[in-house]
C-alpha atoms as a PDB file:
ATOM      1  CA  MET A   1     109.538 -36.400 -43.472  1.00  0.00           C
ATOM      2  CA  ALA A   2     109.269 -34.476 -46.739  1.00  0.00           C
ATOM      3  CA  ALA A   3     108.910 -30.739 -47.206  1.00  0.00           C
ATOM      4  CA  GLY A   4     105.227 -29.767 -47.104  1.00  0.00           C
ATOM      5  CA  ASP A   5     104.100 -32.660 -44.906  1.00  0.00           C
ATOM      6  CA  VAL A   6     101.764 -31.697 -42.065  1.00  0.00           C
ATOM      7  CA  ILE A   7     103.480 -31.824 -38.660  1.00  0.00           C
ATOM      8  CA  ALA A   8     100.669 -30.537 -36.468  1.00  0.00           C
ATOM      9  CA  LYS A   9      97.229 -28.938 -36.574  1.00  0.00           C
ATOM     10  CA  ILE A  10      96.528 -25.914 -34.401  1.00  0.00           C
ATOM     11  CA  LYS A  11      93.069 -25.365 -32.932  1.00  0.00           C
ATOM     12  CA  VAL A  12      92.144 -21.697 -32.948  1.00  0.00           C
ATOM     13  CA  VAL A  13      90.513 -20.149 -29.894  1.00  0.00           C
ATOM     14  CA  PRO A  14      88.440 -17.363 -31.524  1.00  0.00           C
ATOM     15  CA  ASP A  15      87.992 -13.875 -30.129  1.00  0.00           C
ATOM     16  CA  ALA A  16      84.383 -13.443 -29.025  1.00  0.00           C
ATOM     17  CA  SER A  17      84.006  -9.990 -30.589  1.00  0.00           C
ATOM     18  CA  GLN A  18      85.468 -11.029 -33.940  1.00  0.00           C
ATOM     19  CA  LEU A  19      83.370 -14.179 -33.971  1.00  0.00           C
ATOM     20  CA  SER A  20      80.198 -12.176 -33.330  1.00  0.00           C
ATOM     21  CA  ASN A  21      81.020  -9.652 -36.066  1.00  0.00           C
ATOM     22  CA  ALA A  22      81.733 -12.431 -38.570  1.00  0.00           C
ATOM     23  CA  GLN A  23      78.444 -14.156 -37.753  1.00  0.00           C
ATOM     24  CA  ASN A  24      76.521 -10.888 -38.106  1.00  0.00           C
ATOM     25  CA  ARG A  25      78.138 -10.251 -41.478  1.00  0.00           C
ATOM     26  CA  LEU A  26      77.037 -13.681 -42.689  1.00  0.00           C
ATOM     27  CA  ASN A  27      73.473 -13.109 -41.470  1.00  0.00           C
ATOM     28  CA  VAL A  28      73.275  -9.731 -43.249  1.00  0.00           C
ATOM     29  CA  ALA A  29      74.686 -11.287 -46.431  1.00  0.00           C
ATOM     30  CA  ARG A  30      72.052 -14.029 -46.360  1.00  0.00           C
ATOM     31  CA  ILE A  31      69.262 -11.477 -45.908  1.00  0.00           C
ATOM     32  CA  GLU A  32      70.595  -9.505 -48.883  1.00  0.00           C
ATOM     33  CA  LEU A  33      70.819 -12.712 -50.947  1.00  0.00           C
ATOM     34  CA  THR A  34      67.181 -13.551 -50.178  1.00  0.00           C
ATOM     35  CA  ASP A  35      66.113 -10.049 -51.200  1.00  0.00           C
ATOM     36  CA  CYS A  36      68.135 -10.126 -54.439  1.00  0.00           C
ATOM     37  CA  SER A  37      66.796 -13.580 -55.273  1.00  0.00           C
ATOM     38  CA  THR A  38      63.217 -12.342 -54.831  1.00  0.00           C
ATOM     39  CA  ARG A  39      63.867  -9.272 -56.996  1.00  0.00           C
ATOM     40  CA  PHE A  40      65.513 -11.360 -59.695  1.00  0.00           C
ATOM     41  CA  GLY A  41      62.530 -13.717 -59.808  1.00  0.00           C
ATOM     42  CA  ARG A  42      60.142 -10.792 -60.164  1.00  0.00           C
ATOM     43  CA  ASP A  43      62.330  -9.046 -62.763  1.00  0.00           C
ATOM     44  CA  SER A  44      62.643 -12.269 -64.759  1.00  0.00           C
ATOM     45  CA  ALA A  45      58.874 -12.476 -65.037  1.00  0.00           C
ATOM     46  CA  LEU A  46      58.596  -8.811 -65.998  1.00  0.00           C
ATOM     47  CA  TYR A  47      61.387  -9.119 -68.557  1.00  0.00           C
ATOM     48  CA  SER A  48      59.760 -12.147 -70.164  1.00  0.00           C
ATOM     49  CA  ARG A  49      56.636  -9.990 -70.732  1.00  0.00           C
ATOM     50  CA  ARG A  50      58.783  -7.100 -72.000  1.00  0.00           C
ATOM     51  CA  VAL A  51      57.746  -4.877 -69.124  1.00  0.00           C
ATOM     52  CA  ILE A  52      61.297  -3.923 -68.099  1.00  0.00           C
ATOM     53  CA  SER A  53      64.359  -3.365 -70.247  1.00  0.00           C
ATOM     54  CA  ARG A  54      67.161  -5.835 -70.763  1.00  0.00           C
ATOM     55  CA  GLU A  55      69.499  -3.498 -68.887  1.00  0.00           C
ATOM     56  CA  GLU A  56      67.310  -3.593 -65.773  1.00  0.00           C
ATOM     57  CA  PHE A  57      67.113  -7.378 -65.991  1.00  0.00           C
ATOM     58  CA  GLU A  58      70.897  -7.762 -66.264  1.00  0.00           C
ATOM     59  CA  THR A  59      71.381  -5.377 -63.340  1.00  0.00           C
ATOM     60  CA  SER A  60      69.076  -7.525 -61.242  1.00  0.00           C
ATOM     61  CA  ARG A  61      70.988 -10.686 -62.218  1.00  0.00           C
ATOM     62  CA  ARG A  62      74.316  -9.010 -61.454  1.00  0.00           C
ATOM     63  CA  ASN A  63      73.084  -7.976 -57.996  1.00  0.00           C
ATOM     64  CA  LEU A  64      72.061 -11.574 -57.341  1.00  0.00           C
ATOM     65  CA  ASP A  65      75.507 -12.840 -58.307  1.00  0.00           C
ATOM     66  CA  LYS A  66      77.139 -10.253 -56.013  1.00  0.00           C
ATOM     67  CA  ALA A  67      74.892 -11.301 -53.124  1.00  0.00           C
ATOM     68  CA  ARG A  68      75.881 -14.953 -53.612  1.00  0.00           C
ATOM     69  CA  GLU A  69      79.575 -14.035 -53.600  1.00  0.00           C
ATOM     70  CA  GLU A  70      79.102 -11.943 -50.472  1.00  0.00           C
ATOM     71  CA  VAL A  71      77.475 -14.872 -48.663  1.00  0.00           C
ATOM     72  CA  ALA A  72      80.369 -17.142 -49.669  1.00  0.00           C
ATOM     73  CA  ALA A  73      82.926 -14.541 -48.546  1.00  0.00           C
ATOM     74  CA  ALA A  74      81.144 -13.974 -45.234  1.00  0.00           C
ATOM     75  CA  ALA A  75      80.922 -17.725 -44.598  1.00  0.00           C
ATOM     76  CA  ASP A  76      84.639 -18.083 -45.355  1.00  0.00           C
ATOM     77  CA  ALA A  77      85.490 -15.191 -43.047  1.00  0.00           C
ATOM     78  CA  LEU A  78      83.487 -16.856 -40.285  1.00  0.00           C
ATOM     79  CA  GLU A  79      85.396 -20.127 -40.760  1.00  0.00           C
ATOM     80  CA  ILE A  80      88.719 -18.272 -40.593  1.00  0.00           C
ATOM     81  CA  VAL A  81      87.777 -16.573 -37.315  1.00  0.00           C
ATOM     82  CA  ARG A  82      86.251 -19.714 -35.810  1.00  0.00           C
ATOM     83  CA  ASP A  83      88.600 -22.439 -37.112  1.00  0.00           C
ATOM     84  CA  GLY A  84      91.542 -20.559 -38.636  1.00  0.00           C
ATOM     85  CA  VAL A  85      91.030 -22.335 -41.969  1.00  0.00           C
ATOM     86  CA  SER A  86      89.781 -20.914 -45.252  1.00  0.00           C
ATOM     87  CA  ARG A  87      87.851 -23.186 -47.582  1.00  0.00           C
ATOM     88  CA  TYR A  88      89.614 -21.615 -50.563  1.00  0.00           C
ATOM     89  CA  ASN A  89      93.222 -22.028 -49.414  1.00  0.00           C
ATOM     90  CA  ALA A  90      93.168 -24.702 -46.730  1.00  0.00           C
ATOM     91  CA  SER A  91      96.632 -25.898 -47.792  1.00  0.00           C
ATOM     92  CA  GLU A  92      98.064 -22.469 -46.894  1.00  0.00           C
ATOM     93  CA  SER A  93      96.287 -22.216 -43.564  1.00  0.00           C
ATOM     94  CA  ASN A  94      98.432 -21.142 -40.625  1.00  0.00           C
ATOM     95  CA  THR A  95      96.676 -23.750 -38.484  1.00  0.00           C
ATOM     96  CA  MET A  96      98.330 -26.511 -40.499  1.00  0.00           C
ATOM     97  CA  VAL A  97     102.001 -26.580 -39.512  1.00  0.00           C
ATOM     98  CA  ARG A  98     104.043 -28.042 -42.351  1.00  0.00           C
ATOM     99  CA  ALA A  99     107.660 -29.105 -42.682  1.00  0.00           C
ATOM    100  CA  THR A 100     109.736 -26.501 -44.494  1.00  0.00           C
ATOM    101  CA  ILE A 101     112.517 -28.953 -45.415  1.00  0.00           C
ATOM    102  CA  THR A 102     112.928 -32.663 -46.013  1.00  0.00           C
ATOM    103  CA  GLY A 103     114.618 -34.258 -43.029  1.00  0.00           C
ATOM    104  CA  LEU A 104     114.358 -35.975 -39.673  1.00  0.00           C
ATOM    105  CA  ILE A 105     112.328 -34.613 -36.743  1.00  0.00           C
ATOM    106  CA  LEU A 106     114.800 -34.112 -33.885  1.00  0.00           C
ATOM    107  CA  ASP A 107     112.541 -32.589 -31.250  1.00  0.00           C
ATOM    108  CA  VAL A 108     108.875 -31.805 -30.558  1.00  0.00           C
ATOM    109  CA  PRO A 109     108.951 -29.375 -27.607  1.00  0.00           C
ATOM    110  CA  VAL A 110     105.162 -29.009 -27.337  1.00  0.00           C
ATOM    111  CA  LYS A 111     102.469 -31.510 -26.419  1.00  0.00           C
ATOM    112  CA  VAL A 112      98.820 -31.932 -27.409  1.00  0.00           C
ATOM    113  CA  GLY A 113      96.873 -29.179 -25.678  1.00  0.00           C
ATOM    114  CA  SER A 114      99.807 -26.778 -25.313  1.00  0.00           C
ATOM    115  CA  SER A 115      99.187 -23.100 -26.050  1.00  0.00           C
ATOM    116  CA  VAL A 116     101.145 -21.671 -28.968  1.00  0.00           C
ATOM    117  CA  ILE A 117     101.575 -18.195 -30.442  1.00  0.00           C
ATOM    118  CA  GLN A 118     102.249 -17.067 -33.977  1.00  0.00           C
ATOM    119  CA  ALA A 119     105.531 -15.386 -34.921  1.00  0.00           C
ATOM    120  CA  ASN A 120     105.313 -11.615 -35.141  1.00  0.00           C
ATOM    121  CA  THR A 121     107.500  -8.521 -34.863  1.00  0.00           C
ATOM    122  CA  MET A 122     107.621  -8.862 -31.060  1.00  0.00           C
ATOM    123  CA  ASN A 123     108.590 -12.541 -30.693  1.00  0.00           C
ATOM    124  CA  ASP A 124     109.699 -15.614 -32.634  1.00  0.00           C
ATOM    125  CA  GLY A 125     106.552 -17.587 -31.919  1.00  0.00           C
ATOM    126  CA  THR A 126     106.326 -21.119 -30.542  1.00  0.00           C
ATOM    127  CA  THR A 127     108.538 -23.857 -31.954  1.00  0.00           C
ATOM    128  CA  ILE A 128     106.354 -26.822 -32.911  1.00  0.00           C
ATOM    129  CA  ALA A 129     109.141 -29.138 -34.077  1.00  0.00           C
ATOM    130  CA  THR A 130     112.830 -29.091 -34.951  1.00  0.00           C
ATOM    131  CA  ILE A 131     113.711 -30.743 -38.271  1.00  0.00           C
ATOM    132  CA  ALA A 132     117.226 -31.311 -39.615  1.00  0.00           C
ATOM    133  CA  ASP A 133     118.606 -32.546 -42.900  1.00  0.00           C
ATOM    134  CA  MET A 134     120.966 -35.269 -41.656  1.00  0.00           C
ATOM    135  CA  ASN A 135     122.698 -35.240 -45.038  1.00  0.00           C
ATOM    136  CA  ASN A 136     123.851 -31.667 -44.431  1.00  0.00           C
ATOM    137  CA  LEU A 137     125.603 -31.687 -41.054  1.00  0.00           C
ATOM    138  CA  ILE A 138     127.523 -28.677 -39.734  1.00  0.00           C
ATOM    139  CA  PHE A 139     130.363 -28.595 -37.215  1.00  0.00           C
ATOM    140  CA  LYS A 140     130.150 -25.610 -34.851  1.00  0.00           C
ATOM    141  CA  GLY A 141     133.095 -24.754 -32.639  1.00  0.00           C
ATOM    142  CA  LYS A 142     135.019 -22.002 -30.863  1.00  0.00           C
ATOM    143  CA  VAL A 143     138.516 -20.768 -31.690  1.00  0.00           C
ATOM    144  CA  ASP A 144     140.680 -18.634 -29.408  1.00  0.00           C
ATOM    145  CA  GLU A 145     141.474 -15.106 -30.568  1.00  0.00           C
ATOM    146  CA  THR A 146     145.188 -15.951 -30.720  1.00  0.00           C
ATOM    147  CA  GLU A 147     144.547 -18.574 -33.412  1.00  0.00           C
ATOM    148  CA  VAL A 148     141.515 -17.332 -35.370  1.00  0.00           C
ATOM    149  CA  GLY A 149     143.740 -15.140 -37.547  1.00  0.00           C
ATOM    150  CA  LEU A 150     145.391 -18.282 -38.930  1.00  0.00           C
ATOM    151  CA  LEU A 151     142.117 -19.670 -40.284  1.00  0.00           C
ATOM    152  CA  ARG A 152     140.502 -18.962 -43.632  1.00  0.00           C
ATOM    153  CA  VAL A 153     137.165 -19.917 -45.210  1.00  0.00           C
ATOM    154  CA  GLY A 154     137.685 -22.970 -47.403  1.00  0.00           C
ATOM    155  CA  MET A 155     140.395 -24.574 -45.248  1.00  0.00           C
ATOM    156  CA  PRO A 156     139.945 -28.336 -44.691  1.00  0.00           C
ATOM    157  CA  MET A 157     139.742 -29.820 -41.219  1.00  0.00           C
ATOM    158  CA  THR A 158     139.423 -33.222 -39.581  1.00  0.00           C
ATOM    159  CA  ILE A 159     136.736 -33.845 -36.981  1.00  0.00           C
ATOM    160  CA  SER A 160     137.150 -36.157 -33.996  1.00  0.00           C
ATOM    161  CA  VAL A 161     133.912 -37.270 -32.316  1.00  0.00           C
ATOM    162  CA  GLY A 162     134.116 -38.319 -28.674  1.00  0.00           C
ATOM    163  CA  ALA A 163     131.255 -40.825 -28.946  1.00  0.00           C
ATOM    164  CA  MET A 164     132.653 -42.377 -32.137  1.00  0.00           C
ATOM    165  CA  PRO A 165     136.471 -42.461 -31.863  1.00  0.00           C
ATOM    166  CA  GLU A 166     136.731 -44.728 -34.894  1.00  0.00           C
ATOM    167  CA  LEU A 167     135.165 -42.056 -37.115  1.00  0.00           C
ATOM    168  CA  SER A 168     137.171 -39.083 -38.440  1.00  0.00           C
ATOM    169  CA  PRO A 169     134.927 -37.127 -40.814  1.00  0.00           C
ATOM    170  CA  SER A 170     136.378 -34.369 -42.952  1.00  0.00           C
ATOM    171  CA  ALA A 171     134.947 -30.870 -43.232  1.00  0.00           C
ATOM    172  CA  VAL A 172     135.558 -27.503 -44.859  1.00  0.00           C
ATOM    173  CA  ILE A 173     135.342 -24.176 -43.030  1.00  0.00           C
ATOM    174  CA  GLU A 174     132.363 -22.169 -44.296  1.00  0.00           C
ATOM    175  CA  TYR A 175     132.057 -19.405 -41.706  1.00  0.00           C
ATOM    176  CA  ILE A 176     134.282 -17.524 -39.268  1.00  0.00           C
ATOM    177  CA  ALA A 177     132.508 -15.106 -36.931  1.00  0.00           C
ATOM    178  CA  PRO A 178     133.581 -11.468 -37.453  1.00  0.00           C
ATOM    179  CA  LYS A 179     132.933 -10.712 -33.783  1.00  0.00           C
ATOM    180  CA  GLY A 180     134.277 -12.502 -30.724  1.00  0.00           C
ATOM    181  CA  ASP A 181     132.414 -13.759 -27.662  1.00  0.00           C
ATOM    182  CA  ASP A 182     134.078 -13.107 -24.312  1.00  0.00           C
ATOM    183  CA  THR A 183     131.665 -15.263 -22.291  1.00  0.00           C
ATOM    184  CA  GLY A 184     133.602 -17.089 -19.588  1.00  0.00           C
ATOM    185  CA  GLY A 185     136.522 -14.674 -19.653  1.00  0.00           C
ATOM    186  CA  ALA A 186     138.143 -15.960 -22.863  1.00  0.00           C
ATOM    187  CA  ASN A 187     137.569 -14.173 -26.162  1.00  0.00           C
ATOM    188  CA  THR A 188     136.612 -16.801 -28.736  1.00  0.00           C
ATOM    189  CA  PHE A 189     135.243 -16.779 -32.275  1.00  0.00           C
ATOM    190  CA  GLU A 190     132.628 -19.170 -33.635  1.00  0.00           C
ATOM    191  CA  ILE A 191     133.426 -21.192 -36.740  1.00  0.00           C
ATOM    192  CA  LYS A 192     131.200 -23.428 -38.846  1.00  0.00           C
ATOM    193  CA  ALA A 193     132.304 -26.177 -41.198  1.00  0.00           C
ATOM    194  CA  ALA A 194     130.299 -28.391 -43.564  1.00  0.00           C
ATOM    195  CA  LEU A 195     130.946 -32.098 -43.119  1.00  0.00           C
ATOM    196  CA  ALA A 196     131.571 -34.211 -46.201  1.00  0.00           C
ATOM    197  CA  LEU A 197     128.530 -36.422 -46.759  1.00  0.00           C
ATOM    198  CA  ASP A 198     130.483 -39.618 -47.428  1.00  0.00           C
ATOM    199  CA  SER A 199     132.461 -39.252 -44.188  1.00  0.00           C
ATOM    200  CA  ALA A 200     129.552 -38.336 -41.862  1.00  0.00           C
ATOM    201  CA  GLU A 201     127.572 -41.588 -42.020  1.00  0.00           C
ATOM    202  CA  GLY A 202     126.369 -42.623 -38.588  1.00  0.00           C
ATOM    203  CA  LEU A 203     126.705 -39.194 -36.995  1.00  0.00           C
ATOM    204  CA  ARG A 204     123.881 -37.705 -34.961  1.00  0.00           C
ATOM    205  CA  ALA A 205     123.042 -34.092 -34.290  1.00  0.00           C
ATOM    206  CA  GLY A 206     124.379 -32.799 -30.983  1.00  0.00           C
ATOM    207  CA  TYR A 207     127.524 -34.931 -30.685  1.00  0.00           C
ATOM    208  CA  SER A 208     130.495 -33.275 -28.964  1.00  0.00           C
ATOM    209  CA  ALA A 209     133.465 -33.004 -31.288  1.00  0.00           C
ATOM    210  CA  ASN A 210     136.840 -31.346 -31.782  1.00  0.00           C
ATOM    211  CA  ALA A 211     138.335 -30.145 -35.039  1.00  0.00           C
ATOM    212  CA  THR A 212     141.939 -30.235 -36.205  1.00  0.00           C
ATOM    213  CA  VAL A 213     143.129 -27.806 -38.870  1.00  0.00           C
ATOM    214  CA  ALA A 214     146.451 -28.339 -40.654  1.00  0.00           C
ATOM    215  CA  LEU A 215     147.936 -24.846 -41.068  1.00  0.00           C
ATOM    216  CA  ALA A 216     151.144 -26.154 -42.693  1.00  0.00           C
ATOM    217  CA  SER A 217     152.808 -29.496 -43.312  1.00  0.00           C
ATOM    218  CA  ALA A 218     156.222 -30.924 -44.125  1.00  0.00           C
ATOM    219  CA  ARG A 219     156.958 -34.454 -45.322  1.00  0.00           C
ATOM    220  CA  SER A 220     160.161 -36.486 -45.515  1.00  0.00           C
ATOM    221  CA  VAL A 221     162.144 -33.969 -43.474  1.00  0.00           C
ATOM    222  CA  LEU A 222     164.662 -34.271 -40.638  1.00  0.00           C
ATOM    223  CA  SER A 223     163.048 -33.741 -37.247  1.00  0.00           C
ATOM    224  CA  VAL A 224     164.125 -33.978 -33.625  1.00  0.00           C
ATOM    225  CA  PRO A 225     162.268 -33.864 -30.318  1.00  0.00           C
ATOM    226  CA  GLU A 226     161.655 -30.224 -29.493  1.00  0.00           C
ATOM    227  CA  GLY A 227     162.971 -30.836 -25.977  1.00  0.00           C
ATOM    228  CA  VAL A 228     166.578 -31.270 -27.203  1.00  0.00           C
ATOM    229  CA  VAL A 229     166.616 -27.878 -28.946  1.00  0.00           C
ATOM    230  CA  GLU A 230     167.984 -24.835 -27.132  1.00  0.00           C
ATOM    231  CA  PHE A 231     166.277 -21.549 -27.963  1.00  0.00           C
ATOM    232  CA  ALA A 232     168.376 -18.436 -27.449  1.00  0.00           C
ATOM    233  CA  GLY A 233     166.693 -15.298 -28.753  1.00  0.00           C
ATOM    234  CA  ASP A 234     166.302 -15.711 -32.501  1.00  0.00           C
ATOM    235  CA  SER A 235     168.820 -18.561 -32.611  1.00  0.00           C
ATOM    236  CA  THR A 236     168.430 -22.295 -32.001  1.00  0.00           C
ATOM    237  CA  PHE A 237     171.087 -24.806 -30.998  1.00  0.00           C
ATOM    238  CA  VAL A 238     171.488 -28.529 -30.383  1.00  0.00           C
ATOM    239  CA  TYR A 239     174.305 -30.424 -28.699  1.00  0.00           C
ATOM    240  CA  VAL A 240     175.911 -32.933 -31.090  1.00  0.00           C
ATOM    241  CA  LEU A 241     177.944 -35.859 -29.763  1.00  0.00           C
ATOM    242  CA  THR A 242     181.631 -35.555 -30.841  1.00  0.00           C
ATOM    243  CA  ASP A 243     183.375 -38.054 -28.559  1.00  0.00           C
ATOM    244  CA  SER A 244     181.520 -40.969 -27.048  1.00  0.00           C
ATOM    245  CA  THR A 245     184.670 -42.531 -25.484  1.00  0.00           C
ATOM    246  CA  ALA A 246     185.363 -39.625 -23.141  1.00  0.00           C
ATOM    247  CA  HIS A 247     183.947 -39.533 -19.635  1.00  0.00           C
ATOM    248  CA  PRO A 248     181.704 -37.698 -19.657  1.00  0.00           C
ATOM    249  CA  ALA A 249     180.863 -37.800 -23.378  1.00  0.00           C
ATOM    250  CA  GLN A 250     181.774 -34.705 -25.329  1.00  0.00           C
ATOM    251  CA  TYR A 251     179.122 -32.624 -27.134  1.00  0.00           C
ATOM    252  CA  THR A 252     179.459 -29.568 -29.370  1.00  0.00           C
ATOM    253  CA  ARG A 253     176.908 -26.743 -29.295  1.00  0.00           C
ATOM    254  CA  THR A 254     175.763 -26.467 -32.908  1.00  0.00           C
ATOM    255  CA  ALA A 255     173.550 -23.803 -34.468  1.00  0.00           C
ATOM    256  CA  VAL A 256     170.645 -25.172 -36.508  1.00  0.00           C
ATOM    257  CA  GLU A 257     167.843 -23.733 -38.629  1.00  0.00           C
ATOM    258  CA  THR A 258     164.413 -24.959 -37.546  1.00  0.00           C
ATOM    259  CA  GLY A 259     161.147 -25.205 -39.428  1.00  0.00           C
ATOM    260  CA  LEU A 260     157.670 -26.448 -38.577  1.00  0.00           C
ATOM    261  CA  SER A 261     156.790 -27.783 -35.157  1.00  0.00           C
ATOM    262  CA  ASN A 262     153.804 -29.782 -33.921  1.00  0.00           C
ATOM    263  CA  GLY A 263     154.621 -29.130 -30.278  1.00  0.00           C
ATOM    264  CA  ILE A 264     156.423 -32.466 -29.927  1.00  0.00           C
ATOM    265  CA  ASP A 265     158.844 -32.691 -32.845  1.00  0.00           C
ATOM    266  CA  ILE A 266     160.466 -29.847 -34.728  1.00  0.00           C
ATOM    267  CA  GLU A 267     161.845 -29.746 -38.261  1.00  0.00           C
ATOM    268  CA  ILE A 268     165.614 -29.183 -38.748  1.00  0.00           C
ATOM    269  CA  LYS A 269     166.370 -27.525 -42.059  1.00  0.00           C
ATOM    270  CA  ASN A 270     170.125 -26.934 -41.750  1.00  0.00           C
ATOM    271  CA  GLY A 271     173.007 -27.447 -39.307  1.00  0.00           C
ATOM    272  CA  ILE A 272     173.124 -31.229 -38.770  1.00  0.00           C
ATOM    273  CA  ASP A 273     172.426 -34.400 -40.693  1.00  0.00           C
ATOM    274  CA  SER A 274     170.589 -37.605 -39.873  1.00  0.00           C
ATOM    275  CA  THR A 275     173.780 -39.329 -38.594  1.00  0.00           C
ATOM    276  CA  ALA A 276     174.276 -36.895 -35.722  1.00  0.00           C
ATOM    277  CA  ILE A 277     173.601 -37.994 -32.147  1.00  0.00           C
ATOM    278  CA  LEU A 278     172.212 -35.331 -29.858  1.00  0.00           C
ATOM    279  CA  ARG A 279     172.355 -34.914 -26.143  1.00  0.00           C
ATOM    280  CA  GLY A 280     169.049 -35.963 -24.677  1.00  0.00           C
ATOM    281  CA  ASP A 281     167.872 -38.013 -27.624  1.00  0.00           C
ATOM    282  CA  LYS A 282     168.695 -39.306 -31.078  1.00  0.00           C
ATOM    283  CA  ILE A 283     167.610 -37.765 -34.354  1.00  0.00           C
ATOM    284  CA  ARG A 284     164.534 -39.527 -35.681  1.00  0.00           C
END
């Protein structure tokens, strides 16, 4: 559906008092038009015989033109009250509901014959249809307050969709809520991210999804399972095999400098090399 296409037509139920007033106005305008038409015919005859001045004749013609315009205006006003449509701007009529964007209709919550109300300062009005541009999908999610401070607008993320595990669209954070929501007991912040068009093919609105954000990365580094590292205050240690022939094997407690961790493996910056064998596992 393209922007401007008609989605629905609303039938107006006119107010009896307004309808009566509009009809009376049209009747009065027609009476005035008949009177002005009669006067103009008489004045035309008098003017042709030079009985009245040109000014009086032009005044009579001007009054006739005004009477015609008043009849047209009164008839239009009656149509607006009765049908909600003006003959002069039918394309802008509020009874013709038109699409505001080009996209796909996702939902039509009303049926033929349903009562609807117009948006005003007291309410949002009745939703006739929900339209979405499927080429401009947005990921909406929640982030815990302990992690929202690590995010920034413009950061890339990878989306995993439960219904389509083979698809991993990319996105970029566009919005981070300035205020948290403590519904459910946990204080979370809403984020929104725009999906890349070339990676979102096949997605549908409403899919459940999770987002992964890479806060930092390290490549081609020495890492060990985090379970073999001993944390003691601000220091970290591993146990390096020194004698495999002894029973039991001998290990030396060695201080190491750690780096990034993904919760499973942790980076080792200094303290051991890739040939060391640790208690509990081997360096990978």
